[in-house]
Amino acid sequence: MKRNLKLFALLVSALVVSMSVSAQTKAKYAHLNSSDLMQVMPGRDSAQKALEVLNTQLEDELKSMYAEYQSKADQFQKEQPTMSQAMQQTKMQDLQDLEKRIKSFQEQAQGELQEKQEALLKPMVDAAKAAIAKVAKENGYTYVFDSAVGALLYYDGGDDIIELVKKELKIK
């Protein structure tokens, strides 16, 4: 009985000590605005220009396809009264095929733009994540919130670590 009492006292002491240690280890919070960080990332301007060039090329091709469609549609309307039924069906089928090609091109162009954007931004995002993690570890932060995406609704405290992350990334 005495042995059980000592064991119980020892367990209670250990529990109290562990609770006091965990109470002293408070979580440390920080925040940053990822949009602000991405605006100053090295390589962002060249990536933006590359995306604009690709977008312009794709838009020009799409405009050309629309012009071709409009030209064929106008020609069909002018000649329709004098066309045979078989010729009208053939011309209408040609217009429908062109519509499908335009729609397909739009979808492919959108996918190509998205893939290019992801490929260009991935190295920047990876570098930013690594820098944020390093700064957080070095400064003892338990949590870092991104105030740009609304993940943080309120903060009265915590530290904005964007300057530390910029320093880590060697951004002025």
Protein backbone atom coordinates (compact mmCIF):
# COMPACT_ATOMS: atom_id res chain seq x y z
CA MET A 1 0.00 0.00 0.00
CA LYS A 2 2.78 2.36 0.94
CA ARG A 3 4.57 1.45 -2.28
CA ASN A 4 1.44 2.21 -4.34
CA LEU A 5 1.09 5.55 -2.60
CA LYS A 6 4.69 6.46 -3.42
CA LEU A 7 4.18 5.42 -7.03
CA PHE A 8 0.99 7.50 -7.20
CA ALA A 9 2.79 10.52 -5.68
CA LEU A 10 5.60 10.11 -8.18
CA LEU A 11 3.15 9.99 -11.11
CA VAL A 12 1.30 13.07 -9.85
CA SER A 13 4.60 14.95 -9.48
CA ALA A 14 5.65 13.98 -12.98
CA LEU A 15 2.30 15.14 -14.34
CA VAL A 16 2.52 18.49 -12.55
CA VAL A 17 6.07 19.06 -13.81
CA SER A 18 5.15 18.19 -17.39
CA MET A 19 2.10 20.48 -17.24
CA SER A 20 4.16 23.38 -15.97
CA VAL A 21 6.77 22.83 -18.68
CA SER A 22 4.12 22.74 -21.41
CA ALA A 23 2.47 25.85 -19.97
CA GLN A 24 5.80 27.67 -20.21
CA THR A 25 6.24 26.60 -23.85
CA LYS A 26 3.71 28.96 -25.36
CA ALA A 27 2.96 28.88 -29.03
CA LYS A 28 4.52 31.76 -30.91
CA TYR A 29 2.54 33.19 -33.82
CA ALA A 30 3.62 35.18 -36.87
CA HIS A 31 2.02 36.35 -40.08
CA LEU A 32 2.97 37.63 -43.49
CA ASN A 33 1.23 38.65 -46.68
CA SER A 34 2.27 36.16 -49.38
CA SER A 35 0.99 38.48 -52.15
CA ASP A 36 3.36 41.22 -51.00
CA LEU A 37 6.19 38.71 -50.87
CA MET A 38 5.49 37.35 -54.36
CA GLN A 39 5.48 40.91 -55.76
CA VAL A 40 9.13 41.34 -54.79
CA MET A 41 10.42 37.85 -55.58
CA PRO A 42 13.37 37.70 -57.98
CA GLY A 43 12.33 36.46 -61.41
CA ARG A 44 8.72 37.57 -61.03
CA ASP A 45 8.98 40.26 -63.71
CA SER A 46 10.53 37.94 -66.30
CA ALA A 47 7.92 35.27 -65.53
CA GLN A 48 5.15 37.85 -65.94
CA LYS A 49 6.58 38.97 -69.28
CA ALA A 50 6.86 35.38 -70.53
CA LEU A 51 3.22 34.80 -69.61
CA GLU A 52 2.16 38.01 -71.36
CA VAL A 53 4.02 36.99 -74.54
CA LEU A 54 2.38 33.55 -74.56
CA ASN A 55 -1.03 35.08 -73.83
CA THR A 56 -0.64 37.54 -76.72
CA GLN A 57 0.34 34.74 -79.11
CA LEU A 58 -2.66 32.65 -78.10
CA GLU A 59 -5.04 35.63 -78.32
CA ASP A 60 -3.76 36.48 -81.79
CA GLU A 61 -4.38 32.92 -82.97
CA LEU A 62 -7.87 32.99 -81.46
CA LYS A 63 -8.65 36.33 -83.16
CA SER A 64 -7.52 34.82 -86.45
CA MET A 65 -9.84 31.85 -85.94
CA TYR A 66 -12.75 34.16 -85.06
CA ALA A 67 -12.07 36.24 -88.19
CA GLU A 68 -12.09 33.08 -90.32
CA TYR A 69 -15.37 32.01 -88.75
CA GLN A 70 -16.97 35.44 -89.26
CA SER A 71 -15.82 35.54 -92.89
CA LYS A 72 -17.25 32.09 -93.61
CA ALA A 73 -20.50 32.90 -91.79
CA ASP A 74 -20.93 36.15 -93.76
CA GLN A 75 -20.19 34.37 -97.03
CA PHE A 76 -22.70 31.64 -96.15
CA GLN A 77 -25.42 34.20 -95.40
CA LYS A 78 -24.84 35.96 -98.74
CA GLU A 79 -24.80 32.78 -100.81
CA GLN A 80 -27.41 30.78 -98.91
CA PRO A 81 -30.40 31.81 -101.03
CA THR A 82 -28.73 30.48 -104.19
CA MET A 83 -27.30 27.28 -102.65
CA SER A 84 -28.72 23.84 -102.97
CA GLN A 85 -29.88 22.06 -99.83
CA ALA A 86 -26.85 19.75 -99.91
CA MET A 87 -24.45 22.70 -100.26
CA GLN A 88 -26.16 24.52 -97.35
CA GLN A 89 -25.74 21.48 -95.12
CA THR A 90 -22.08 21.15 -96.11
CA LYS A 91 -21.38 24.84 -95.37
CA MET A 92 -23.26 24.65 -92.05
CA GLN A 93 -21.25 21.58 -91.09
CA ASP A 94 -18.03 23.47 -91.95
CA LEU A 95 -19.11 26.33 -89.66
CA GLN A 96 -19.96 23.92 -86.84
CA ASP A 97 -16.59 22.19 -87.22
CA LEU A 98 -14.83 25.54 -87.04
CA GLU A 99 -16.81 26.42 -83.91
CA LYS A 100 -15.64 23.17 -82.32
CA ARG A 101 -12.03 23.88 -83.27
CA ILE A 102 -12.28 27.36 -81.76
CA LYS A 103 -13.73 25.99 -78.54
CA SER A 104 -11.08 23.28 -78.38
CA PHE A 105 -8.35 25.83 -79.00
CA GLN A 106 -9.68 28.06 -76.20
CA GLU A 107 -9.60 25.17 -73.74
CA GLN A 108 -6.11 24.10 -74.80
CA ALA A 109 -4.83 27.68 -74.65
CA GLN A 110 -6.22 28.14 -71.15
CA GLY A 111 -4.57 24.91 -70.02
CA GLU A 112 -1.28 25.87 -71.65
CA LEU A 113 -1.31 29.27 -69.93
CA GLN A 114 -2.04 27.68 -66.57
CA GLU A 115 0.73 25.09 -66.99
CA LYS A 116 3.22 27.79 -68.00
CA GLN A 117 2.24 29.94 -65.03
CA GLU A 118 2.67 27.03 -62.63
CA ALA A 119 6.04 26.12 -64.14
CA LEU A 120 7.31 29.69 -63.90
CA LEU A 121 6.00 30.35 -60.38
CA LYS A 122 6.88 27.00 -58.78
CA PRO A 123 10.56 27.82 -58.16
CA MET A 124 9.56 31.15 -56.57
CA VAL A 125 6.88 29.55 -54.40
CA ASP A 126 9.26 26.79 -53.32
CA ALA A 127 11.96 29.32 -52.41
CA ALA A 128 9.45 31.40 -50.45
CA LYS A 129 8.17 28.35 -48.55
CA ALA A 130 11.71 27.28 -47.68
CA ALA A 131 12.61 30.77 -46.49
CA ILE A 132 9.43 31.04 -44.40
CA ALA A 133 10.13 27.67 -42.79
CA LYS A 134 13.74 28.63 -42.06
CA VAL A 135 12.79 32.00 -40.56
CA ALA A 136 10.03 30.38 -38.49
CA LYS A 137 12.40 27.76 -37.09
CA GLU A 138 15.21 30.24 -36.42
CA ASN A 139 12.84 32.60 -34.58
CA GLY A 140 10.87 29.94 -32.71
CA TYR A 141 7.50 30.47 -34.39
CA THR A 142 5.03 27.65 -33.96
CA TYR A 143 2.55 29.00 -36.53
CA VAL A 144 2.85 31.38 -39.47
CA PHE A 145 -0.37 32.67 -41.00
CA ASP A 146 -0.85 34.06 -44.49
CA SER A 147 -2.87 37.26 -44.18
CA ALA A 148 -3.22 37.53 -47.99
CA VAL A 149 -5.66 34.65 -48.33
CA GLY A 150 -7.88 35.43 -45.39
CA ALA A 151 -6.49 32.60 -43.31
CA LEU A 152 -6.12 35.10 -40.50
CA LEU A 153 -9.28 36.88 -39.44
CA TYR A 154 -7.87 38.66 -36.43
CA TYR A 155 -4.51 39.19 -34.90
CA ASP A 156 -3.53 41.28 -31.98
CA GLY A 157 0.01 40.23 -31.65
CA GLY A 158 2.27 37.94 -33.45
CA ASP A 159 5.02 39.26 -35.61
CA ASP A 160 4.98 40.13 -39.29
CA ILE A 161 8.00 38.21 -40.55
CA ILE A 162 7.94 39.36 -44.18
CA GLU A 163 11.08 41.45 -43.71
CA LEU A 164 12.92 38.47 -42.20
CA VAL A 165 11.83 36.29 -45.12
CA LYS A 166 12.90 38.95 -47.63
CA LYS A 167 16.26 39.10 -45.87
CA GLU A 168 16.55 35.31 -46.10
CA LEU A 169 15.78 35.51 -49.82
CA LYS A 170 18.19 38.46 -50.18
CA ILE A 171 15.41 40.76 -51.43
CA LYS A 172 15.59 44.47 -50.72
